[in-house]
Amino acid sequence: MTDAVLVLNGGSSSLKFAVFEEQGDLPLLLRGSVSSLARNPRLRTVATAAAAAVDKSLGDGPIVIADAFSAVASLLADRNLLGRIGKIGHRIVHGGQAFTAAALLDAGTLAALHGLEPLAPIHQAINLEIVKLAAELLPHAVQVGCFDTAFHATRPALAKIYGLPRDMAEQGIVSYGFHGLSYSHIAGMLRERYGAGTGGRAIVAHLGSGASLCAMRAGASVATTMGFSTLDGLVMSTRCGALDPGVILHLLRSKNLSADELTDLLYERSGLLGVSGISGDMQTLLDSKDPAAVQAVDLFIYRVGREIGSLAAALGGLDTLVFTAGIGEHAPLIRRKVCEAAAWLGLALDEGLNQNGDGLVSAATSRVDILVIPADEEFAVARDLLAF
């Protein structure tokens, strides 16, 4: 009996997974992750009504994504879930211009998605490797791709094009936007809270190791800080964020960096890690007294505050601000400082509510509703699976 759906959400350093019953409001059967693949990997699950939480080491590491998948497959077998899974949903970072909604992962679709690997070099190949592993494990299950770029496909044309020759846009060199599954989930939560208006003019701050902001009007993407790649916009854990293209030209001409060296620099050695010289982990930096750590945090806050102003201009004002993802959900100091940076928009936090970090955290005097809503990309994928 196949009455459950499996969701797989692979990243460069982790594999998140969830199993939902395929009915009603998608009751959760299992949720967990294999984290820190590069060093001391761990398998963790959250407690459910049927089973206690799991937290166990998978060795000193490193392990590759196939090893992480094997650990998940073994857990599913131990929980007698493999035989119940009829559909598998995959978070896939890049859908390009062709895939603006969830799609069956047949041979033609997979070939097209492999062709997008250069546009998401640290994510796409991993996502597609997980598809292959899942198909081998459960060959009769329906495989569906859900794309981080799809949510932003509704943006106006002016929000997508760059000041480059027109034929380059026709070749696909446009702004795509990312974190769309997270934003889709938040839009759904705002719709539950506010109804069809979905919080009016809303900015959602997806602040994690990868970070971006999205401006929404009535639950639809209007503008977002990531563009052609996941490098754009905010300073992130190890990614540079928005950068003058002249810097790239300088590195090519004066430093003779290769494409691979540039990729490693911009994706893996920049951001909070690069500025601080200490760590890309926000909590580690917040705990440090080192002036470089303080400066890295201040830069993060400055860039978030500046981009909120830009997106508020695109919306013509602001009614709702939402914090989500690891930093957004768990760092009240960052939330407070971001709101201070954007106080000119009428934001005012209730510090007691902010410390609790659950639901509405704005003060009664705030002209903008400020919310903390947990990210749940896995639920967004599972919801899309209901259509297949």
Protein backbone atom coordinates (compact mmCIF):
# COMPACT_ATOMS: atom_id res chain seq x y z
CA MET A 1 0.00 0.00 0.00
CA THR A 2 1.59 3.27 -1.12
CA ASP A 3 0.01 5.94 1.06
CA ALA A 4 3.06 8.10 1.82
CA VAL A 5 5.33 10.59 0.06
CA LEU A 6 9.05 11.03 0.62
CA VAL A 7 10.68 14.44 0.29
CA LEU A 8 14.44 14.77 -0.26
CA ASN A 9 16.17 18.12 0.09
CA GLY A 10 19.88 17.90 -0.64
CA GLY A 11 22.43 20.65 -0.18
CA SER A 12 26.19 20.99 -0.41
CA SER A 13 26.66 19.90 3.20
CA SER A 14 23.42 18.21 4.25
CA LEU A 15 20.49 16.02 3.24
CA LYS A 16 17.11 16.83 4.76
CA PHE A 17 14.24 14.38 4.44
CA ALA A 18 10.62 13.99 5.46
CA VAL A 19 7.83 11.46 5.00
CA PHE A 20 4.19 12.55 4.97
CA GLU A 21 0.94 10.64 4.72
CA GLU A 22 -0.66 11.43 1.38
CA GLN A 23 -3.94 12.70 2.70
CA GLY A 24 -5.63 15.81 4.05
CA ASP A 25 -3.17 18.19 5.63
CA LEU A 26 -0.23 15.81 5.06
CA PRO A 27 0.35 14.34 8.54
CA LEU A 28 4.07 14.02 9.27
CA LEU A 29 5.45 10.50 9.70
CA LEU A 30 9.18 11.21 9.82
CA ARG A 31 11.47 14.23 9.54
CA GLY A 32 15.21 14.53 9.87
CA SER A 33 18.55 15.35 8.31
CA VAL A 34 22.06 14.15 7.74
CA SER A 35 24.19 17.21 8.50
CA SER A 36 27.84 18.27 8.41
CA LEU A 37 28.81 15.88 5.61
CA ALA A 38 32.31 17.33 5.43
CA ARG A 39 33.15 16.70 9.07
CA ASN A 40 31.55 14.63 11.86
CA PRO A 41 28.30 13.85 10.00
CA ARG A 42 25.24 13.14 12.11
CA LEU A 43 21.83 11.64 11.45
CA ARG A 44 19.07 13.36 13.38
CA THR A 45 15.30 13.01 13.41
CA VAL A 46 12.62 14.85 15.31
CA ALA A 47 10.38 13.00 17.74
CA THR A 48 6.93 11.99 16.47
CA ALA A 49 3.94 10.28 18.05
CA ALA A 50 5.25 6.99 16.70
CA ALA A 51 8.97 7.19 17.52
CA ALA A 52 11.53 8.95 19.66
CA ALA A 53 14.11 11.32 18.18
CA VAL A 54 17.35 9.94 16.76
CA ASP A 55 20.73 11.62 17.06
CA LYS A 56 23.70 9.50 16.07
CA SER A 57 27.14 9.93 14.59
CA LEU A 58 27.92 8.62 11.12
CA GLY A 59 31.67 8.66 11.80
CA ASP A 60 34.38 11.27 11.77
CA GLY A 61 33.75 12.00 8.10
CA PRO A 62 33.81 13.29 5.56
CA ILE A 63 31.06 11.43 3.72
CA VAL A 64 29.55 12.03 0.28
CA ILE A 65 25.89 12.56 -0.53
CA ALA A 66 25.47 8.88 -1.52
CA ASP A 67 26.53 7.85 1.99
CA ALA A 68 24.03 10.27 3.50
CA PHE A 69 21.31 8.84 1.26
CA SER A 70 22.20 5.29 2.35
CA ALA A 71 21.79 6.31 5.99
CA VAL A 72 18.35 7.75 5.22
CA ALA A 73 17.34 4.64 3.25
CA SER A 74 18.34 2.40 6.16
CA LEU A 75 16.30 4.50 8.56
CA LEU A 76 13.25 4.33 6.29
CA ALA A 77 13.61 0.55 6.11
CA ASP A 78 13.93 0.30 9.90
CA ARG A 79 10.73 2.34 10.28
CA ASN A 80 8.89 0.12 7.75
CA LEU A 81 8.26 3.12 5.53
CA LEU A 82 9.89 2.12 2.25
CA GLY A 83 6.96 0.01 1.10
CA ARG A 84 4.50 2.83 1.76
CA ILE A 85 6.22 5.41 -0.46
CA GLY A 86 4.57 5.91 -3.84
CA LYS A 87 5.89 9.37 -4.66
CA ILE A 88 9.24 11.06 -4.10
CA GLY A 89 9.56 14.82 -4.28
CA HIS A 90 12.94 16.47 -4.80
CA ARG A 91 13.95 20.02 -4.07
CA ILE A 92 15.94 21.04 -7.15
CA VAL A 93 17.65 24.40 -7.02
CA HIS A 94 17.49 25.40 -10.68
CA GLY A 95 14.60 24.95 -13.06
CA GLY A 96 15.79 27.49 -15.62
CA GLN A 97 13.23 29.22 -17.80
CA ALA A 98 11.47 26.01 -18.83
CA PHE A 99 10.37 24.66 -15.45
CA THR A 100 8.10 27.10 -13.65
CA ALA A 101 6.08 24.46 -11.77
CA ALA A 102 6.69 21.00 -10.31
CA ALA A 103 7.45 18.43 -13.02
CA LEU A 104 7.75 14.67 -13.48
CA LEU A 105 11.39 13.70 -13.61
CA ASP A 106 11.42 11.70 -16.83
CA ALA A 107 14.47 11.25 -19.05
CA GLY A 108 13.86 14.43 -21.04
CA THR A 109 13.37 16.56 -17.96
CA LEU A 110 16.48 15.14 -16.30
CA ALA A 111 18.57 15.83 -19.39
CA ALA A 112 17.41 19.45 -19.40
CA LEU A 113 18.13 19.83 -15.69
CA HIS A 114 21.63 18.41 -16.08
CA GLY A 115 22.17 21.11 -18.69
CA LEU A 116 21.56 23.72 -15.97
CA GLU A 117 24.39 22.45 -13.74
CA PRO A 118 26.73 25.34 -14.70
CA LEU A 119 24.11 27.80 -13.40
CA ALA A 120 24.08 26.22 -9.90
CA PRO A 121 27.49 24.57 -9.58
CA ILE A 122 27.35 23.66 -5.88
CA HIS A 123 23.74 22.44 -5.83
CA GLN A 124 22.32 21.09 -9.08
CA ALA A 125 24.56 18.05 -9.53
CA ILE A 126 23.91 16.99 -5.93
CA ASN A 127 20.15 17.37 -6.37
CA LEU A 128 20.21 15.21 -9.50
CA GLU A 129 22.45 12.58 -7.93
CA ILE A 130 19.83 12.19 -5.20
CA VAL A 131 17.16 11.69 -7.89
CA LYS A 132 19.24 8.87 -9.37
CA LEU A 133 19.78 7.23 -5.97
CA ALA A 134 16.08 7.47 -5.11
CA ALA A 135 15.07 5.94 -8.45
CA GLU A 136 17.40 3.01 -7.82
CA LEU A 137 16.03 2.50 -4.30
CA LEU A 138 12.35 2.80 -5.24
CA PRO A 139 12.11 2.24 -9.01
CA HIS A 140 8.30 2.14 -9.04
CA ALA A 141 7.83 5.43 -7.17
CA VAL A 142 6.84 8.57 -9.07
CA GLN A 143 9.74 11.06 -9.05
CA VAL A 144 8.82 14.76 -9.07
CA GLY A 145 11.08 17.81 -9.16
CA CYS A 146 10.14 21.00 -7.33
CA PHE A 147 12.24 24.02 -8.23
CA ASP A 148 13.59 26.85 -6.11
CA THR A 149 13.42 29.16 -9.10
CA ALA A 150 9.77 28.48 -9.97
CA PHE A 151 8.20 30.76 -7.33
CA HIS A 152 9.89 33.79 -8.89
CA ALA A 153 8.74 33.12 -12.45
CA THR A 154 5.76 35.46 -11.99
CA ARG A 155 7.92 38.53 -11.41
CA PRO A 156 7.58 41.34 -13.96
CA ALA A 157 10.05 41.30 -16.85
CA LEU A 158 11.90 44.34 -15.54
CA ALA A 159 12.75 42.42 -12.36
CA LYS A 160 14.41 39.67 -14.40
CA ILE A 161 16.51 41.32 -17.10
CA TYR A 162 20.02 42.76 -16.80
CA GLY A 163 21.59 45.68 -18.63
CA LEU A 164 23.22 43.33 -21.12
CA PRO A 165 22.66 42.85 -24.87
CA ARG A 166 19.18 41.52 -25.52
CA ASP A 167 20.36 38.28 -27.08
CA MET A 168 21.99 37.32 -23.78
CA ALA A 169 18.62 37.43 -22.04
CA GLU A 170 17.26 35.24 -24.81
CA GLN A 171 20.10 32.80 -24.04
CA GLY A 172 18.96 32.58 -20.41
CA ILE A 173 21.21 35.14 -18.74
CA VAL A 174 18.50 36.63 -16.55
CA SER A 175 17.62 36.83 -12.87
CA TYR A 176 15.99 33.62 -11.69
CA GLY A 177 15.80 34.01 -7.90
CA PHE A 178 16.11 31.13 -5.45
CA HIS A 179 14.78 29.82 -2.10
CA GLY A 180 11.42 29.66 -3.86
CA LEU A 181 10.16 26.61 -1.97
CA SER A 182 10.79 28.37 1.32
CA TYR A 183 8.98 31.47 0.05
CA SER A 184 6.11 29.37 -1.24
CA HIS A 185 5.68 27.86 2.21
CA ILE A 186 5.74 31.28 3.88
CA ALA A 187 3.21 32.62 1.37
CA GLY A 188 0.91 29.74 2.34
CA MET A 189 1.34 30.50 6.04
CA LEU A 190 0.60 34.18 5.45
CA ARG A 191 -2.50 33.23 3.48
CA GLU A 192 -3.71 31.19 6.46
CA ARG A 193 -3.11 34.17 8.75
CA TYR A 194 -4.37 37.05 6.61
CA GLY A 195 -6.60 35.48 3.98
CA ALA A 196 -6.43 36.29 0.28
CA GLY A 197 -4.38 39.45 0.88
CA THR A 198 -1.54 37.28 2.25
CA GLY A 199 -0.09 40.06 4.38
CA GLY A 200 -0.28 42.69 1.64
CA ARG A 201 3.15 44.10 0.80
CA ALA A 202 5.44 41.58 2.47
CA ILE A 203 9.18 41.04 2.63
CA VAL A 204 10.39 37.59 3.68
CA ALA A 205 13.93 37.28 5.02
CA HIS A 206 15.23 33.75 4.44
CA LEU A 207 18.37 34.05 6.54
CA GLY A 208 20.45 30.88 6.76
CA SER A 209 23.85 29.78 5.52
CA GLY A 210 22.41 30.76 2.16
CA ALA A 211 20.40 33.95 2.54
CA SER A 212 18.05 36.04 0.46
CA LEU A 213 15.04 38.33 0.69
CA CYS A 214 11.84 38.23 -1.33
CA ALA A 215 9.29 40.99 -1.83
CA MET A 216 5.76 39.63 -2.24
CA ARG A 217 2.51 41.30 -3.12
CA ALA A 218 -0.55 39.21 -2.19
CA GLY A 219 1.68 36.13 -1.92
CA ALA A 220 3.37 36.46 -5.32
CA SER A 221 7.05 37.23 -5.86
CA VAL A 222 7.71 40.77 -7.05
CA ALA A 223 11.47 41.06 -6.49
CA THR A 224 14.22 39.07 -4.80
CA THR A 225 17.87 39.57 -3.92
CA MET A 226 19.32 36.47 -5.56
CA GLY A 227 19.51 36.68 -9.32
CA PHE A 228 21.26 34.62 -11.99
CA SER A 229 23.01 32.57 -9.33
CA THR A 230 22.92 31.84 -5.62
CA LEU A 231 25.89 34.20 -5.19
CA ASP A 232 23.89 37.40 -5.57
CA GLY A 233 22.39 39.67 -2.93
CA LEU A 234 23.16 39.31 0.77
CA VAL A 235 26.48 38.39 2.34
CA MET A 236 26.11 34.71 3.29
CA SER A 237 27.98 32.10 5.29
CA THR A 238 30.69 31.51 2.70
CA ARG A 239 29.25 33.28 -0.38
CA CYS A 240 30.15 36.84 -1.27
CA GLY A 241 26.75 38.28 -2.11
CA ALA A 242 26.35 41.18 -4.55
CA LEU A 243 29.72 42.14 -6.03
CA ASP A 244 30.85 44.77 -8.53
CA PRO A 245 31.55 42.84 -11.77
CA GLY A 246 34.71 44.89 -12.01
CA VAL A 247 36.10 42.87 -9.12
CA ILE A 248 35.78 39.72 -11.23
CA LEU A 249 37.53 41.40 -14.15
CA HIS A 250 40.33 42.50 -11.82
CA LEU A 251 40.76 38.99 -10.42
CA LEU A 252 40.88 37.55 -13.92
CA ARG A 253 43.33 40.09 -15.29
CA SER A 254 45.58 40.91 -12.32
CA LYS A 255 45.45 37.71 -10.26
CA ASN A 256 45.12 35.28 -13.17
CA LEU A 257 42.52 33.23 -11.31
CA SER A 258 40.98 30.34 -13.20
CA ALA A 259 37.23 29.73 -13.39
CA ASP A 260 37.55 26.97 -10.78
CA GLU A 261 39.58 29.22 -8.47
CA LEU A 262 37.01 32.00 -8.81
CA THR A 263 34.18 29.57 -8.07
CA ASP A 264 35.92 28.35 -4.94
CA LEU A 265 36.69 31.92 -3.80
CA LEU A 266 33.18 33.30 -4.30
CA TYR A 267 31.17 30.28 -3.14
CA GLU A 268 33.37 28.74 -0.43
CA ARG A 269 35.85 31.31 0.96
CA SER A 270 33.93 34.57 1.07
CA GLY A 271 30.93 35.89 3.01
CA LEU A 272 30.99 35.76 6.80
CA LEU A 273 33.90 33.34 6.71
CA GLY A 274 35.98 35.51 4.44
CA VAL A 275 35.31 38.80 6.24
CA SER A 276 35.82 37.38 9.73
CA GLY A 277 38.61 34.94 8.95
CA ILE A 278 37.07 32.85 11.75
CA SER A 279 33.86 31.11 10.71
CA GLY A 280 30.86 31.25 8.41
CA ASP A 281 28.59 30.24 11.28
CA MET A 282 26.57 33.17 12.61
CA GLN A 283 26.30 31.89 16.18
CA THR A 284 30.08 31.38 16.35
CA LEU A 285 30.59 34.97 15.25
CA LEU A 286 28.00 36.32 17.68
CA ASP A 287 29.84 34.54 20.51
CA SER A 288 33.21 36.02 19.47
CA LYS A 289 34.73 39.29 20.73
CA ASP A 290 37.14 39.44 17.80
CA PRO A 291 36.73 42.78 15.93
CA ALA A 292 36.72 40.94 12.59
CA ALA A 293 33.83 38.77 13.77
CA VAL A 294 31.94 41.86 14.91
CA GLN A 295 32.53 43.51 11.54
CA ALA A 296 31.29 40.44 9.64
CA VAL A 297 28.04 40.45 11.64
CA ASP A 298 27.64 44.19 11.17
CA LEU A 299 28.14 43.79 7.41
CA PHE A 300 25.47 41.09 7.29
CA ILE A 301 22.99 43.33 9.11
CA TYR A 302 23.87 46.36 6.99
CA ARG A 303 23.29 44.47 3.76
CA VAL A 304 19.98 42.99 4.97
CA GLY A 305 18.79 46.44 6.07
CA ARG A 306 19.82 48.03 2.79
CA GLU A 307 18.07 45.36 0.72
CA ILE A 308 14.89 45.68 2.77
CA GLY A 309 14.85 49.33 1.74
CA SER A 310 15.29 48.38 -1.91
CA LEU A 311 12.50 45.80 -1.82
CA ALA A 312 10.17 48.15 0.06
CA ALA A 313 10.69 50.61 -2.79
CA ALA A 314 9.76 47.90 -5.30
CA LEU A 315 6.58 47.22 -3.32
CA GLY A 316 5.71 50.87 -2.68
CA GLY A 317 5.70 50.32 1.08
CA LEU A 318 5.70 47.52 3.61
CA ASP A 319 2.95 45.82 5.61
CA THR A 320 4.62 42.60 6.80
CA LEU A 321 8.17 41.44 7.48
CA VAL A 322 8.85 37.73 8.03
CA PHE A 323 12.03 36.13 9.39
CA THR A 324 12.66 32.50 8.53
CA ALA A 325 15.47 29.88 8.18
CA GLY A 326 18.27 29.17 10.65
CA ILE A 327 19.46 32.69 11.47
CA GLY A 328 16.05 34.25 10.96
CA GLU A 329 14.40 31.81 13.36
CA HIS A 330 17.09 31.43 16.01
CA ALA A 331 19.03 34.70 16.31
CA PRO A 332 16.93 37.32 18.13
CA LEU A 333 19.86 39.74 18.20
CA ILE A 334 20.04 39.69 14.40
CA ARG A 335 16.28 40.23 14.14
CA ARG A 336 16.51 43.19 16.51
CA LYS A 337 19.40 44.82 14.68
CA VAL A 338 17.76 44.30 11.27
CA CYS A 339 14.56 45.90 12.53
CA GLU A 340 16.57 48.80 13.95
CA ALA A 341 18.20 49.26 10.55
CA ALA A 342 14.74 49.36 8.93
CA ALA A 343 12.99 51.33 11.67
CA TRP A 344 12.37 54.17 9.21
CA LEU A 345 9.72 51.93 7.62
CA GLY A 346 7.77 51.91 10.87
CA LEU A 347 9.12 48.64 12.30
CA ALA A 348 9.07 48.23 16.08
CA LEU A 349 9.86 44.94 17.86
CA ASP A 350 8.47 43.75 21.17
CA GLU A 351 11.72 42.56 22.74
CA GLY A 352 10.01 39.98 24.93
CA LEU A 353 8.20 38.46 21.96
CA ASN A 354 11.39 38.67 19.92
CA GLN A 355 13.32 36.65 22.49
CA ASN A 356 10.61 33.99 22.32
CA GLY A 357 10.77 34.09 18.51
CA ASP A 358 7.43 32.49 17.69
CA GLY A 359 4.77 34.06 15.49
CA LEU A 360 4.08 37.78 15.83
CA VAL A 361 7.02 39.61 17.44
CA SER A 362 6.17 43.24 16.62
CA ALA A 363 5.20 45.83 19.23
CA ALA A 364 1.70 47.25 19.36
CA THR A 365 3.11 50.55 18.04
CA SER A 366 4.65 48.95 14.94
CA ARG A 367 3.20 50.01 11.60
CA VAL A 368 4.48 46.72 10.14
CA ASP A 369 3.62 43.21 11.34
CA ILE A 370 6.88 41.39 12.13
CA LEU A 371 6.68 37.59 12.21
CA VAL A 372 8.96 34.63 12.82
CA ILE A 373 7.80 31.59 10.83
CA PRO A 374 9.82 28.35 10.64
CA ALA A 375 11.01 27.35 7.18
CA ASP A 376 9.54 24.12 5.81
CA GLU A 377 10.67 23.46 2.27
CA GLU A 378 9.83 19.78 2.70
CA PHE A 379 6.15 20.53 3.34
CA ALA A 380 6.08 22.81 0.29
CA VAL A 381 7.38 19.94 -1.85
CA ALA A 382 4.92 17.47 -0.33
CA ARG A 383 2.05 19.83 -1.07
CA ASP A 384 3.12 20.01 -4.73
CA LEU A 385 3.21 16.21 -4.88
CA LEU A 386 -0.54 16.02 -4.28
CA ALA A 387 -1.08 17.10 -7.90
CA PHE A 388 0.67 13.99 -9.28
